[in-house]
Full PDB file with SEQRES, HELIX, SHEET, SSBOND, CRYST1, ORIGX, SCALE, CONECT and MASTER records, all heavy atoms in Angstrom:
SEQRES   1 A   37  VAL ILE LEU GLY LEU GLY VAL LEU SER GLY MET GLY VAL          
SEQRES   2 A   37  SER MET MET GLU THR GLY ASN LEU LEU PRO ALA ASP HIS          
SEQRES   3 A   37  LYS THR LEU PHE SER LEU ALA ALA PHE ALA ALA                  
HELIX    1 AA1 ILE A    2  GLU A   17  1                                  16    
HELIX    2 AA2 HIS A   26  ALA A   36  1                                  11    
CRYST1    1.000    1.000    1.000  90.00  90.00  90.00 P 1           1          
ORIGX1      1.000000  0.000000  0.000000        0.00000                         
ORIGX2      0.000000  1.000000  0.000000        0.00000                         
ORIGX3      0.000000  0.000000  1.000000        0.00000                         
SCALE1      1.000000  0.000000  0.000000        0.00000                         
SCALE2      0.000000  1.000000  0.000000        0.00000                         
SCALE3      0.000000  0.000000  1.000000        0.00000                         
ATOM      1  N   VAL A   1     -52.562   0.182  58.637  1.00  0.00           N  
ATOM      2  CA  VAL A   1     -51.133   0.249  58.964  1.00  0.00           C  
ATOM      3  C   VAL A   1     -50.420  -1.029  58.529  1.00  0.00           C  
ATOM      4  O   VAL A   1     -49.368  -0.989  57.871  1.00  0.00           O  
ATOM      5  CB  VAL A   1     -50.931   0.480  60.478  1.00  0.00           C  
ATOM      6  CG1 VAL A   1     -49.456   0.339  60.856  1.00  0.00           C  
ATOM      7  CG2 VAL A   1     -51.443   1.855  60.881  1.00  0.00           C  
ATOM      8  N   ILE A   2     -51.015  -2.175  58.876  1.00  0.00           N  
ATOM      9  CA  ILE A   2     -50.375  -3.452  58.533  1.00  0.00           C  
ATOM     10  C   ILE A   2     -50.402  -3.691  57.022  1.00  0.00           C  
ATOM     11  O   ILE A   2     -49.438  -4.207  56.450  1.00  0.00           O  
ATOM     12  CB  ILE A   2     -51.060  -4.612  59.279  1.00  0.00           C  
ATOM     13  CG1 ILE A   2     -50.910  -4.422  60.785  1.00  0.00           C  
ATOM     14  CG2 ILE A   2     -50.464  -5.952  58.866  1.00  0.00           C  
ATOM     15  CD1 ILE A   2     -51.584  -5.477  61.612  1.00  0.00           C  
ATOM     16  N   LEU A   3     -51.506  -3.295  56.365  1.00  0.00           N  
ATOM     17  CA  LEU A   3     -51.584  -3.440  54.907  1.00  0.00           C  
ATOM     18  C   LEU A   3     -50.530  -2.574  54.230  1.00  0.00           C  
ATOM     19  O   LEU A   3     -49.908  -2.987  53.241  1.00  0.00           O  
ATOM     20  CB  LEU A   3     -52.979  -3.054  54.418  1.00  0.00           C  
ATOM     21  CG  LEU A   3     -53.239  -3.173  52.908  1.00  0.00           C  
ATOM     22  CD1 LEU A   3     -52.925  -4.580  52.402  1.00  0.00           C  
ATOM     23  CD2 LEU A   3     -54.682  -2.801  52.585  1.00  0.00           C  
ATOM     24  N   GLY A   4     -50.297  -1.369  54.769  1.00  0.00           N  
ATOM     25  CA  GLY A   4     -49.240  -0.517  54.233  1.00  0.00           C  
ATOM     26  C   GLY A   4     -47.876  -1.174  54.353  1.00  0.00           C  
ATOM     27  O   GLY A   4     -47.068  -1.140  53.419  1.00  0.00           O  
ATOM     28  N   LEU A   5     -47.618  -1.814  55.507  1.00  0.00           N  
ATOM     29  CA  LEU A   5     -46.367  -2.559  55.686  1.00  0.00           C  
ATOM     30  C   LEU A   5     -46.277  -3.720  54.700  1.00  0.00           C  
ATOM     31  O   LEU A   5     -45.200  -4.026  54.179  1.00  0.00           O  
ATOM     32  CB  LEU A   5     -46.261  -3.079  57.121  1.00  0.00           C  
ATOM     33  CG  LEU A   5     -46.039  -2.043  58.216  1.00  0.00           C  
ATOM     34  CD1 LEU A   5     -46.087  -2.706  59.585  1.00  0.00           C  
ATOM     35  CD2 LEU A   5     -44.704  -1.329  58.021  1.00  0.00           C  
ATOM     36  N   GLY A   6     -47.434  -4.340  54.443  1.00  0.00           N  
ATOM     37  CA  GLY A   6     -47.464  -5.453  53.494  1.00  0.00           C  
ATOM     38  C   GLY A   6     -47.116  -5.016  52.083  1.00  0.00           C  
ATOM     39  O   GLY A   6     -46.384  -5.701  51.368  1.00  0.00           O  
ATOM     40  N   VAL A   7     -47.650  -3.857  51.683  1.00  0.00           N  
ATOM     41  CA  VAL A   7     -47.334  -3.326  50.346  1.00  0.00           C  
ATOM     42  C   VAL A   7     -45.850  -2.997  50.242  1.00  0.00           C  
ATOM     43  O   VAL A   7     -45.187  -3.316  49.250  1.00  0.00           O  
ATOM     44  CB  VAL A   7     -48.189  -2.080  50.051  1.00  0.00           C  
ATOM     45  CG1 VAL A   7     -47.730  -1.417  48.753  1.00  0.00           C  
ATOM     46  CG2 VAL A   7     -49.667  -2.452  49.942  1.00  0.00           C  
ATOM     47  N   LEU A   8     -45.302  -2.372  51.291  1.00  0.00           N  
ATOM     48  CA  LEU A   8     -43.884  -2.016  51.289  1.00  0.00           C  
ATOM     49  C   LEU A   8     -42.997  -3.269  51.281  1.00  0.00           C  
ATOM     50  O   LEU A   8     -41.990  -3.318  50.551  1.00  0.00           O  
ATOM     51  CB  LEU A   8     -43.556  -1.156  52.509  1.00  0.00           C  
ATOM     52  CG  LEU A   8     -44.160   0.246  52.531  1.00  0.00           C  
ATOM     53  CD1 LEU A   8     -43.848   0.952  53.841  1.00  0.00           C  
ATOM     54  CD2 LEU A   8     -43.636   1.073  51.348  1.00  0.00           C  
ATOM     55  N   SER A   9     -43.355  -4.263  52.080  1.00  0.00           N  
ATOM     56  CA  SER A   9     -42.560  -5.497  52.092  1.00  0.00           C  
ATOM     57  C   SER A   9     -42.664  -6.232  50.765  1.00  0.00           C  
ATOM     58  O   SER A   9     -41.695  -6.830  50.296  1.00  0.00           O  
ATOM     59  CB  SER A   9     -43.011  -6.407  53.240  1.00  0.00           C  
ATOM     60  OG  SER A   9     -44.359  -6.816  53.070  1.00  0.00           O  
ATOM     61  N   GLY A  10     -43.848  -6.162  50.137  1.00  0.00           N  
ATOM     62  CA  GLY A  10     -44.008  -6.764  48.814  1.00  0.00           C  
ATOM     63  C   GLY A  10     -43.139  -6.084  47.779  1.00  0.00           C  
ATOM     64  O   GLY A  10     -42.577  -6.731  46.890  1.00  0.00           O  
ATOM     65  N   MET A  11     -43.001  -4.766  47.897  1.00  0.00           N  
ATOM     66  CA  MET A  11     -42.119  -4.032  47.000  1.00  0.00           C  
ATOM     67  C   MET A  11     -40.668  -4.449  47.218  1.00  0.00           C  
ATOM     68  O   MET A  11     -39.895  -4.573  46.259  1.00  0.00           O  
ATOM     69  CB  MET A  11     -42.285  -2.534  47.234  1.00  0.00           C  
ATOM     70  CG  MET A  11     -43.642  -1.981  46.803  1.00  0.00           C  
ATOM     71  SD  MET A  11     -43.989  -0.307  47.416  1.00  0.00           S  
ATOM     72  CE  MET A  11     -42.709   0.623  46.576  1.00  0.00           C  
ATOM     73  N   GLY A  12     -40.298  -4.691  48.488  1.00  0.00           N  
ATOM     74  CA  GLY A  12     -38.934  -5.135  48.780  1.00  0.00           C  
ATOM     75  C   GLY A  12     -38.645  -6.503  48.201  1.00  0.00           C  
ATOM     76  O   GLY A  12     -37.578  -6.735  47.606  1.00  0.00           O  
ATOM     77  N   VAL A  13     -39.603  -7.422  48.341  1.00  0.00           N  
ATOM     78  CA  VAL A  13     -39.444  -8.763  47.769  1.00  0.00           C  
ATOM     79  C   VAL A  13     -39.331  -8.681  46.252  1.00  0.00           C  
ATOM     80  O   VAL A  13     -38.496  -9.356  45.634  1.00  0.00           O  
ATOM     81  CB  VAL A  13     -40.637  -9.663  48.177  1.00  0.00           C  
ATOM     82  CG1 VAL A  13     -40.597 -10.982  47.410  1.00  0.00           C  
ATOM     83  CG2 VAL A  13     -40.608  -9.941  49.674  1.00  0.00           C  
ATOM     84  N   SER A  14     -40.186  -7.851  45.637  1.00  0.00           N  
ATOM     85  CA  SER A  14     -40.159  -7.711  44.183  1.00  0.00           C  
ATOM     86  C   SER A  14     -38.824  -7.147  43.699  1.00  0.00           C  
ATOM     87  O   SER A  14     -38.282  -7.588  42.682  1.00  0.00           O  
ATOM     88  CB  SER A  14     -41.307  -6.805  43.728  1.00  0.00           C  
ATOM     89  OG  SER A  14     -41.290  -6.615  42.332  1.00  0.00           O  
ATOM     90  N   MET A  15     -38.285  -6.180  44.438  1.00  0.00           N  
ATOM     91  CA  MET A  15     -36.998  -5.599  44.056  1.00  0.00           C  
ATOM     92  C   MET A  15     -35.886  -6.636  44.088  1.00  0.00           C  
ATOM     93  O   MET A  15     -35.038  -6.695  43.187  1.00  0.00           O  
ATOM     94  CB  MET A  15     -36.663  -4.440  44.998  1.00  0.00           C  
ATOM     95  CG  MET A  15     -37.296  -3.114  44.615  1.00  0.00           C  
ATOM     96  SD  MET A  15     -36.659  -2.470  43.036  1.00  0.00           S  
ATOM     97  CE  MET A  15     -34.956  -2.116  43.487  1.00  0.00           C  
ATOM     98  N   MET A  16     -35.868  -7.482  45.112  1.00  0.00           N  
ATOM     99  CA  MET A  16     -34.811  -8.476  45.247  1.00  0.00           C  
ATOM    100  C   MET A  16     -34.966  -9.628  44.262  1.00  0.00           C  
ATOM    101  O   MET A  16     -33.986 -10.233  43.843  1.00  0.00           O  
ATOM    102  CB  MET A  16     -34.781  -9.012  46.680  1.00  0.00           C  
ATOM    103  CG  MET A  16     -34.222  -8.016  47.689  1.00  0.00           C  
ATOM    104  SD  MET A  16     -33.982  -8.746  49.326  1.00  0.00           S  
ATOM    105  CE  MET A  16     -35.671  -8.999  49.839  1.00  0.00           C  
ATOM    106  N   GLU A  17     -36.204  -9.940  43.889  1.00  0.00           N  
ATOM    107  CA  GLU A  17     -36.424 -11.085  42.997  1.00  0.00           C  
ATOM    108  C   GLU A  17     -36.392 -10.703  41.524  1.00  0.00           C  
ATOM    109  O   GLU A  17     -35.863 -11.435  40.694  1.00  0.00           O  
ATOM    110  CB  GLU A  17     -37.758 -11.754  43.328  1.00  0.00           C  
ATOM    111  CG  GLU A  17     -37.755 -12.538  44.623  1.00  0.00           C  
ATOM    112  CD  GLU A  17     -39.003 -13.389  44.761  1.00  0.00           C  
ATOM    113  OE1 GLU A  17     -40.073 -12.976  44.249  1.00  0.00           O  
ATOM    114  OE2 GLU A  17     -38.923 -14.468  45.369  1.00  0.00           O  
ATOM    115  N   THR A  18     -36.995  -9.545  41.180  1.00  0.00           N  
ATOM    116  CA  THR A  18     -37.139  -9.188  39.762  1.00  0.00           C  
ATOM    117  C   THR A  18     -36.467  -7.863  39.409  1.00  0.00           C  
ATOM    118  O   THR A  18     -36.294  -7.565  38.230  1.00  0.00           O  
ATOM    119  CB  THR A  18     -38.631  -9.100  39.373  1.00  0.00           C  
ATOM    120  OG1 THR A  18     -39.240  -8.025  40.096  1.00  0.00           O  
ATOM    121  CG2 THR A  18     -39.352 -10.404  39.729  1.00  0.00           C  
ATOM    122  N   GLY A  19     -36.145  -7.050  40.415  1.00  0.00           N  
ATOM    123  CA  GLY A  19     -35.576  -5.740  40.134  1.00  0.00           C  
ATOM    124  C   GLY A  19     -36.612  -4.672  39.904  1.00  0.00           C  
ATOM    125  O   GLY A  19     -36.276  -3.495  39.720  1.00  0.00           O  
ATOM    126  N   ASN A  20     -37.902  -5.041  39.925  1.00  0.00           N  
ATOM    127  CA  ASN A  20     -38.989  -4.074  39.755  1.00  0.00           C  
ATOM    128  C   ASN A  20     -39.534  -3.672  41.119  1.00  0.00           C  
ATOM    129  O   ASN A  20     -39.753  -4.524  41.993  1.00  0.00           O  
ATOM    130  CB  ASN A  20     -40.120  -4.673  38.914  1.00  0.00           C  
ATOM    131  CG  ASN A  20     -39.661  -5.007  37.505  1.00  0.00           C  
ATOM    132  OD1 ASN A  20     -38.895  -4.252  36.913  1.00  0.00           O  
ATOM    133  ND2 ASN A  20     -40.121  -6.130  36.972  1.00  0.00           N  
ATOM    134  N   LEU A  21     -39.776  -2.382  41.308  1.00  0.00           N  
ATOM    135  CA  LEU A  21     -40.242  -1.892  42.597  1.00  0.00           C  
ATOM    136  C   LEU A  21     -41.670  -2.324  42.879  1.00  0.00           C  
ATOM    137  O   LEU A  21     -42.001  -2.715  44.008  1.00  0.00           O  
ATOM    138  CB  LEU A  21     -40.149  -0.367  42.635  1.00  0.00           C  
ATOM    139  CG  LEU A  21     -40.509   0.292  43.975  1.00  0.00           C  
ATOM    140  CD1 LEU A  21     -39.556  -0.176  45.067  1.00  0.00           C  
ATOM    141  CD2 LEU A  21     -40.483   1.807  43.847  1.00  0.00           C  
ATOM    142  N   LEU A  22     -42.525  -2.294  41.874  1.00  0.00           N  
ATOM    143  CA  LEU A  22     -43.932  -2.624  42.069  1.00  0.00           C  
ATOM    144  C   LEU A  22     -44.328  -3.715  41.078  1.00  0.00           C  
ATOM    145  O   LEU A  22     -44.412  -3.458  39.876  1.00  0.00           O  
ATOM    146  CB  LEU A  22     -44.806  -1.385  41.852  1.00  0.00           C  
ATOM    147  CG  LEU A  22     -46.208  -1.412  42.459  1.00  0.00           C  
ATOM    148  CD1 LEU A  22     -46.127  -1.510  43.973  1.00  0.00           C  
ATOM    149  CD2 LEU A  22     -46.980  -0.161  42.065  1.00  0.00           C  
ATOM    150  N   PRO A  23     -44.558  -4.950  41.553  1.00  0.00           N  
ATOM    151  CA  PRO A  23     -44.921  -6.034  40.638  1.00  0.00           C  
ATOM    152  C   PRO A  23     -46.281  -5.783  39.993  1.00  0.00           C  
ATOM    153  O   PRO A  23     -47.234  -5.380  40.663  1.00  0.00           O  
ATOM    154  CB  PRO A  23     -44.962  -7.267  41.550  1.00  0.00           C  
ATOM    155  CG  PRO A  23     -45.181  -6.723  42.930  1.00  0.00           C  
ATOM    156  CD  PRO A  23     -44.498  -5.384  42.951  1.00  0.00           C  
ATOM    157  N   ALA A  24     -46.358  -6.005  38.707  1.00  0.00           N  
ATOM    158  CA  ALA A  24     -47.610  -5.788  37.973  1.00  0.00           C  
ATOM    159  C   ALA A  24     -48.423  -7.074  37.964  1.00  0.00           C  
ATOM    160  O   ALA A  24     -48.499  -7.793  36.963  1.00  0.00           O  
ATOM    161  CB  ALA A  24     -47.311  -5.328  36.544  1.00  0.00           C  
ATOM    162  N   ASP A  25     -49.016  -7.415  39.121  1.00  0.00           N  
ATOM    163  CA  ASP A  25     -49.846  -8.617  39.192  1.00  0.00           C  
ATOM    164  C   ASP A  25     -51.176  -8.286  39.863  1.00  0.00           C  
ATOM    165  O   ASP A  25     -51.382  -7.202  40.407  1.00  0.00           O  
ATOM    166  CB  ASP A  25     -49.121  -9.741  39.943  1.00  0.00           C  
ATOM    167  CG  ASP A  25     -48.648  -9.312  41.323  1.00  0.00           C  
ATOM    168  OD1 ASP A  25     -49.267  -8.412  41.907  1.00  0.00           O  
ATOM    169  OD2 ASP A  25     -47.655  -9.881  41.814  1.00  0.00           O  
ATOM    170  N   HIS A  26     -52.084  -9.273  39.812  1.00  0.00           N  
ATOM    171  CA  HIS A  26     -53.428  -9.056  40.345  1.00  0.00           C  
ATOM    172  C   HIS A  26     -53.416  -8.833  41.853  1.00  0.00           C  
ATOM    173  O   HIS A  26     -54.172  -8.014  42.383  1.00  0.00           O  
ATOM    174  CB  HIS A  26     -54.325 -10.247  39.993  1.00  0.00           C  
ATOM    175  CG  HIS A  26     -54.557 -10.413  38.528  1.00  0.00           C  
ATOM    176  ND1 HIS A  26     -53.667 -11.066  37.701  1.00  0.00           N  
ATOM    177  CD2 HIS A  26     -55.568  -9.987  37.732  1.00  0.00           C  
ATOM    178  CE1 HIS A  26     -54.125 -11.044  36.459  1.00  0.00           C  
ATOM    179  NE2 HIS A  26     -55.272 -10.400  36.452  1.00  0.00           N  
ATOM    180  N   LYS A  27     -52.561  -9.562  42.554  1.00  0.00           N  
ATOM    181  CA  LYS A  27     -52.518  -9.442  44.014  1.00  0.00           C  
ATOM    182  C   LYS A  27     -52.146  -8.021  44.435  1.00  0.00           C  
ATOM    183  O   LYS A  27     -52.764  -7.450  45.341  1.00  0.00           O  
ATOM    184  CB  LYS A  27     -51.517 -10.442  44.588  1.00  0.00           C  
ATOM    185  CG  LYS A  27     -51.457 -10.424  46.102  1.00  0.00           C  
ATOM    186  CD  LYS A  27     -50.482 -11.463  46.628  1.00  0.00           C  
ATOM    187  CE  LYS A  27     -50.409 -11.407  48.148  1.00  0.00           C  
ATOM    188  NZ  LYS A  27     -49.466 -12.398  48.698  1.00  0.00           N  
ATOM    189  N   THR A  28     -51.136  -7.450  43.766  1.00  0.00           N  
ATOM    190  CA  THR A  28     -50.722  -6.083  44.082  1.00  0.00           C  
ATOM    191  C   THR A  28     -51.838  -5.095  43.777  1.00  0.00           C  
ATOM    192  O   THR A  28     -52.109  -4.178  44.564  1.00  0.00           O  
ATOM    193  CB  THR A  28     -49.470  -5.708  43.269  1.00  0.00           C  
ATOM    194  OG1 THR A  28     -48.428  -6.631  43.568  1.00  0.00           O  
ATOM    195  CG2 THR A  28     -49.015  -4.302  43.601  1.00  0.00           C  
ATOM    196  N   LEU A  29     -52.512  -5.287  42.645  1.00  0.00           N  
ATOM    197  CA  LEU A  29     -53.606  -4.397  42.251  1.00  0.00           C  
ATOM    198  C   LEU A  29     -54.733  -4.412  43.280  1.00  0.00           C  
ATOM    199  O   LEU A  29     -55.217  -3.356  43.718  1.00  0.00           O  
ATOM    200  CB  LEU A  29     -54.147  -4.810  40.879  1.00  0.00           C  
ATOM    201  CG  LEU A  29     -55.357  -4.024  40.360  1.00  0.00           C  
ATOM    202  CD1 LEU A  29     -54.999  -2.559  40.179  1.00  0.00           C  
ATOM    203  CD2 LEU A  29     -55.855  -4.623  39.044  1.00  0.00           C  
ATOM    204  N   PHE A  30     -55.154  -5.619  43.690  1.00  0.00           N  
ATOM    205  CA  PHE A  30     -56.238  -5.728  44.663  1.00  0.00           C  
ATOM    206  C   PHE A  30     -55.816  -5.173  46.027  1.00  0.00           C  
ATOM    207  O   PHE A  30     -56.624  -4.569  46.727  1.00  0.00           O  
ATOM    208  CB  PHE A  30     -56.683  -7.192  44.803  1.00  0.00           C  
ATOM    209  CG  PHE A  30     -57.450  -7.711  43.616  1.00  0.00           C  
ATOM    210  CD1 PHE A  30     -57.098  -8.903  43.007  1.00  0.00           C  
ATOM    211  CD2 PHE A  30     -58.529  -7.009  43.114  1.00  0.00           C  
ATOM    212  CE1 PHE A  30     -57.800  -9.390  41.919  1.00  0.00           C  
ATOM    213  CE2 PHE A  30     -59.241  -7.476  42.018  1.00  0.00           C  
ATOM    214  CZ  PHE A  30     -58.876  -8.668  41.423  1.00  0.00           C  
ATOM    215  N   SER A  31     -54.560  -5.386  46.415  1.00  0.00           N  
ATOM    216  CA  SER A  31     -54.065  -4.878  47.699  1.00  0.00           C  
ATOM    217  C   SER A  31     -54.066  -3.352  47.716  1.00  0.00           C  
ATOM    218  O   SER A  31     -54.481  -2.725  48.695  1.00  0.00           O  
ATOM    219  CB  SER A  31     -52.655  -5.409  47.981  1.00  0.00           C  
ATOM    220  OG  SER A  31     -52.653  -6.813  48.110  1.00  0.00           O  
ATOM    221  N   LEU A  32     -53.594  -2.746  46.619  1.00  0.00           N  
ATOM    222  CA  LEU A  32     -53.586  -1.284  46.534  1.00  0.00           C  
ATOM    223  C   LEU A  32     -55.005  -0.720  46.511  1.00  0.00           C  
ATOM    224  O   LEU A  32     -55.280   0.322  47.121  1.00  0.00           O  
ATOM    225  CB  LEU A  32     -52.823  -0.838  45.283  1.00  0.00           C  
ATOM    226  CG  LEU A  32     -51.310  -1.076  45.291  1.00  0.00           C  
ATOM    227  CD1 LEU A  32     -50.716  -0.717  43.935  1.00  0.00           C  
ATOM    228  CD2 LEU A  32     -50.642  -0.262  46.400  1.00  0.00           C  
ATOM    229  N   ALA A  33     -55.906  -1.427  45.819  1.00  0.00           N  
ATOM    230  CA  ALA A  33     -57.300  -0.982  45.770  1.00  0.00           C  
ATOM    231  C   ALA A  33     -57.938  -1.072  47.163  1.00  0.00           C  
ATOM    232  O   ALA A  33     -58.686  -0.176  47.575  1.00  0.00           O  
ATOM    233  CB  ALA A  33     -58.081  -1.832  44.773  1.00  0.00           C  
ATOM    234  N   ALA A  34     -57.636  -2.149  47.901  1.00  0.00           N  
ATOM    235  CA  ALA A  34     -58.159  -2.293  49.257  1.00  0.00           C  
ATOM    236  C   ALA A  34     -57.587  -1.215  50.173  1.00  0.00           C  
ATOM    237  O   ALA A  34     -58.305  -0.640  51.008  1.00  0.00           O  
ATOM    238  CB  ALA A  34     -57.814  -3.681  49.807  1.00  0.00           C  
ATOM    239  N   PHE A  35     -56.287  -0.929  50.027  1.00  0.00           N  
ATOM    240  CA  PHE A  35     -55.649   0.130  50.815  1.00  0.00           C  
ATOM    241  C   PHE A  35     -56.338   1.465  50.567  1.00  0.00           C  
ATOM    242  O   PHE A  35     -56.615   2.227  51.501  1.00  0.00           O  
ATOM    243  CB  PHE A  35     -54.160   0.220  50.462  1.00  0.00           C  
ATOM    244  CG  PHE A  35     -53.381   1.198  51.288  1.00  0.00           C  
ATOM    245  CD1 PHE A  35     -52.831   0.813  52.503  1.00  0.00           C  
ATOM    246  CD2 PHE A  35     -53.205   2.511  50.863  1.00  0.00           C  
ATOM    247  CE1 PHE A  35     -52.119   1.721  53.274  1.00  0.00           C  
ATOM    248  CE2 PHE A  35     -52.496   3.415  51.628  1.00  0.00           C  
ATOM    249  CZ  PHE A  35     -51.950   3.022  52.838  1.00  0.00           C  
ATOM    250  N   ALA A  36     -56.632   1.746  49.301  1.00  0.00           N  
ATOM    251  CA  ALA A  36     -57.302   3.000  48.942  1.00  0.00           C  
ATOM    252  C   ALA A  36     -58.725   3.045  49.500  1.00  0.00           C  
ATOM    253  O   ALA A  36     -59.172   4.079  50.011  1.00  0.00           O  
ATOM    254  CB  ALA A  36     -57.325   3.159  47.426  1.00  0.00           C  
ATOM    255  N   ALA A  37     -59.439   1.910  49.419  1.00  0.00           N  
ATOM    256  CA  ALA A  37     -60.822   1.865  49.910  1.00  0.00           C  
ATOM    257  C   ALA A  37     -60.878   2.102  51.417  1.00  0.00           C  
ATOM    258  O   ALA A  37     -61.730   2.848  51.916  1.00  0.00           O  
ATOM    259  CB  ALA A  37     -61.448   0.515  49.564  1.00  0.00           C  
TER     260      ALA A  37                                                      
MASTER        0    0    0    2    0    0    0    6  259    1    0    3          
END                                                                             
């Protein structure tokens, strides 16, 4: 639950800083992989 909130908040930060909904970086990739696992 908290990791899901973290992914959503990360998307919000990315939108405000870069305009992209999902940042294409290693941290996001590992977080999504952990969420899936």
